[in-house]
Amino acid sequence: MKTEGQAFVQEKMQAALMADPTMDEAEQKAKISQFTAEYQKEAMTKLIEEAKK
C-alpha cells in the first residue's frame, strides 16, 4: 500500500508540474500534502468497503 501511495502522489505531482512548471518548493510541498491526503482518504474508503464484505 505504501508504494501505491507513493506512485499515486508521484503521478499527481507530475501532472501538477506539467500544468504549472513555475511552482516553487512551498507550493510543491503543499500539493504533495494534498495528494497524500487524497490517497489516504481513498485507501480508507477501500479498506472500509472490504471490511463490510
N, C-alpha and C. Protein backbone atom coordinates (compact mmCIF):
# COMPACT_ATOMS: atom_id res chain seq x y z
N MET A 1 0.84 -1.19 0.00
CA MET A 1 0.00 0.00 0.00
C MET A 1 0.88 1.26 0.00
N LYS A 2 2.02 1.19 0.66
CA LYS A 2 2.91 2.34 0.72
C LYS A 2 3.41 2.72 -0.67
N THR A 3 3.82 1.71 -1.44
CA THR A 3 4.32 2.00 -2.78
C THR A 3 3.21 2.51 -3.69
N GLU A 4 1.99 2.00 -3.49
CA GLU A 4 0.84 2.51 -4.26
C GLU A 4 0.62 3.98 -3.95
N GLY A 5 0.73 4.32 -2.69
CA GLY A 5 0.56 5.72 -2.27
C GLY A 5 1.61 6.62 -2.88
N GLN A 6 2.85 6.14 -2.87
CA GLN A 6 3.94 6.92 -3.45
C GLN A 6 3.73 7.12 -4.95
N ALA A 7 3.29 6.07 -5.63
CA ALA A 7 3.04 6.16 -7.07
C ALA A 7 1.89 7.13 -7.35
N PHE A 8 0.84 7.07 -6.54
CA PHE A 8 -0.31 7.97 -6.69
C PHE A 8 0.14 9.43 -6.57
N VAL A 9 0.89 9.73 -5.51
CA VAL A 9 1.35 11.09 -5.27
C VAL A 9 2.30 11.52 -6.38
N GLN A 10 3.19 10.64 -6.80
CA GLN A 10 4.15 10.98 -7.84
C GLN A 10 3.45 11.29 -9.16
N GLU A 11 2.45 10.50 -9.52
CA GLU A 11 1.69 10.74 -10.75
C GLU A 11 0.99 12.10 -10.70
N LYS A 12 0.35 12.36 -9.58
CA LYS A 12 -0.36 13.63 -9.42
C LYS A 12 0.60 14.81 -9.47
N MET A 13 1.78 14.66 -8.84
CA MET A 13 2.77 15.74 -8.84
C MET A 13 3.29 16.00 -10.24
N GLN A 14 3.53 14.95 -11.00
CA GLN A 14 4.00 15.12 -12.38
C GLN A 14 2.98 15.91 -13.18
N ALA A 15 1.70 15.56 -13.03
CA ALA A 15 0.65 16.27 -13.74
C ALA A 15 0.58 17.73 -13.29
N ALA A 16 0.71 17.96 -11.99
CA ALA A 16 0.64 19.33 -11.46
C ALA A 16 1.82 20.16 -11.96
N LEU A 17 3.00 19.55 -12.02
CA LEU A 17 4.18 20.27 -12.50
C LEU A 17 4.09 20.54 -14.01
N MET A 18 3.47 19.65 -14.74
CA MET A 18 3.27 19.89 -16.17
C MET A 18 2.30 21.06 -16.37
N ALA A 19 1.28 21.13 -15.52
CA ALA A 19 0.30 22.21 -15.61
C ALA A 19 0.88 23.54 -15.15
N ASP A 20 1.77 23.50 -14.16
CA ASP A 20 2.36 24.73 -13.62
C ASP A 20 3.83 24.50 -13.30
N PRO A 21 4.69 24.57 -14.32
CA PRO A 21 6.11 24.28 -14.10
C PRO A 21 6.83 25.34 -13.25
N THR A 22 6.20 26.45 -12.97
CA THR A 22 6.84 27.51 -12.18
C THR A 22 6.58 27.37 -10.68
N MET A 23 5.97 26.27 -10.28
CA MET A 23 5.66 26.03 -8.87
C MET A 23 6.93 26.07 -8.02
N ASP A 24 6.89 26.82 -6.93
CA ASP A 24 8.06 26.84 -6.05
C ASP A 24 8.00 25.68 -5.06
N GLU A 25 9.03 25.57 -4.25
CA GLU A 25 9.14 24.43 -3.33
C GLU A 25 7.98 24.37 -2.34
N ALA A 26 7.57 25.51 -1.83
CA ALA A 26 6.46 25.55 -0.86
C ALA A 26 5.16 25.07 -1.51
N GLU A 27 4.92 25.50 -2.74
CA GLU A 27 3.71 25.05 -3.44
C GLU A 27 3.77 23.55 -3.71
N GLN A 28 4.95 23.06 -4.06
CA GLN A 28 5.11 21.63 -4.31
C GLN A 28 4.83 20.82 -3.04
N LYS A 29 5.35 21.28 -1.91
CA LYS A 29 5.11 20.58 -0.64
C LYS A 29 3.62 20.59 -0.30
N ALA A 30 2.94 21.71 -0.55
CA ALA A 30 1.51 21.79 -0.29
C ALA A 30 0.74 20.81 -1.17
N LYS A 31 1.14 20.72 -2.43
CA LYS A 31 0.49 19.77 -3.35
C LYS A 31 0.74 18.34 -2.91
N ILE A 32 1.96 18.03 -2.49
CA ILE A 32 2.27 16.68 -2.03
C ILE A 32 1.39 16.33 -0.83
N SER A 33 1.23 17.27 0.09
CA SER A 33 0.36 17.03 1.25
C SER A 33 -1.07 16.79 0.82
N GLN A 34 -1.53 17.59 -0.13
CA GLN A 34 -2.90 17.46 -0.64
C GLN A 34 -3.10 16.09 -1.29
N PHE A 35 -2.17 15.68 -2.14
CA PHE A 35 -2.30 14.41 -2.83
C PHE A 35 -2.17 13.23 -1.88
N THR A 36 -1.33 13.38 -0.85
CA THR A 36 -1.19 12.33 0.15
C THR A 36 -2.51 12.15 0.90
N ALA A 37 -3.14 13.25 1.26
CA ALA A 37 -4.43 13.20 1.96
C ALA A 37 -5.49 12.56 1.07
N GLU A 38 -5.48 12.90 -0.22
CA GLU A 38 -6.43 12.29 -1.17
C GLU A 38 -6.26 10.78 -1.21
N TYR A 39 -5.01 10.33 -1.31
CA TYR A 39 -4.74 8.90 -1.37
C TYR A 39 -5.19 8.21 -0.08
N GLN A 40 -4.87 8.82 1.06
CA GLN A 40 -5.25 8.22 2.34
C GLN A 40 -6.76 8.10 2.46
N LYS A 41 -7.48 9.10 1.99
CA LYS A 41 -8.94 9.07 2.03
C LYS A 41 -9.47 7.92 1.17
N GLU A 42 -8.92 7.80 -0.04
CA GLU A 42 -9.34 6.71 -0.93
C GLU A 42 -9.00 5.35 -0.34
N ALA A 43 -7.81 5.22 0.23
CA ALA A 43 -7.39 3.95 0.81
C ALA A 43 -8.29 3.56 1.98
N MET A 44 -8.62 4.53 2.82
CA MET A 44 -9.51 4.24 3.96
C MET A 44 -10.88 3.80 3.47
N THR A 45 -11.39 4.46 2.45
CA THR A 45 -12.68 4.10 1.88
C THR A 45 -12.65 2.65 1.37
N LYS A 46 -11.57 2.29 0.67
CA LYS A 46 -11.44 0.92 0.17
C LYS A 46 -11.37 -0.08 1.32
N LEU A 47 -10.61 0.24 2.36
CA LEU A 47 -10.49 -0.67 3.50
C LEU A 47 -11.83 -0.86 4.20
N ILE A 48 -12.57 0.21 4.35
CA ILE A 48 -13.88 0.12 4.98
C ILE A 48 -14.83 -0.73 4.15
N GLU A 49 -14.80 -0.55 2.83
CA GLU A 49 -15.64 -1.35 1.95
C GLU A 49 -15.27 -2.83 2.05
N GLU A 50 -13.97 -3.12 2.10
CA GLU A 50 -13.52 -4.50 2.23
C GLU A 50 -13.96 -5.10 3.56
N ALA A 51 -13.92 -4.31 4.62
CA ALA A 51 -14.30 -4.80 5.94
C ALA A 51 -15.80 -5.10 6.01
N LYS A 52 -16.58 -4.37 5.24
CA LYS A 52 -18.04 -4.57 5.24
C LYS A 52 -18.45 -5.87 4.55
N LYS A 53 -17.57 -6.38 3.68
CA LYS A 53 -17.92 -7.58 2.91
C LYS A 53 -17.90 -8.81 3.75
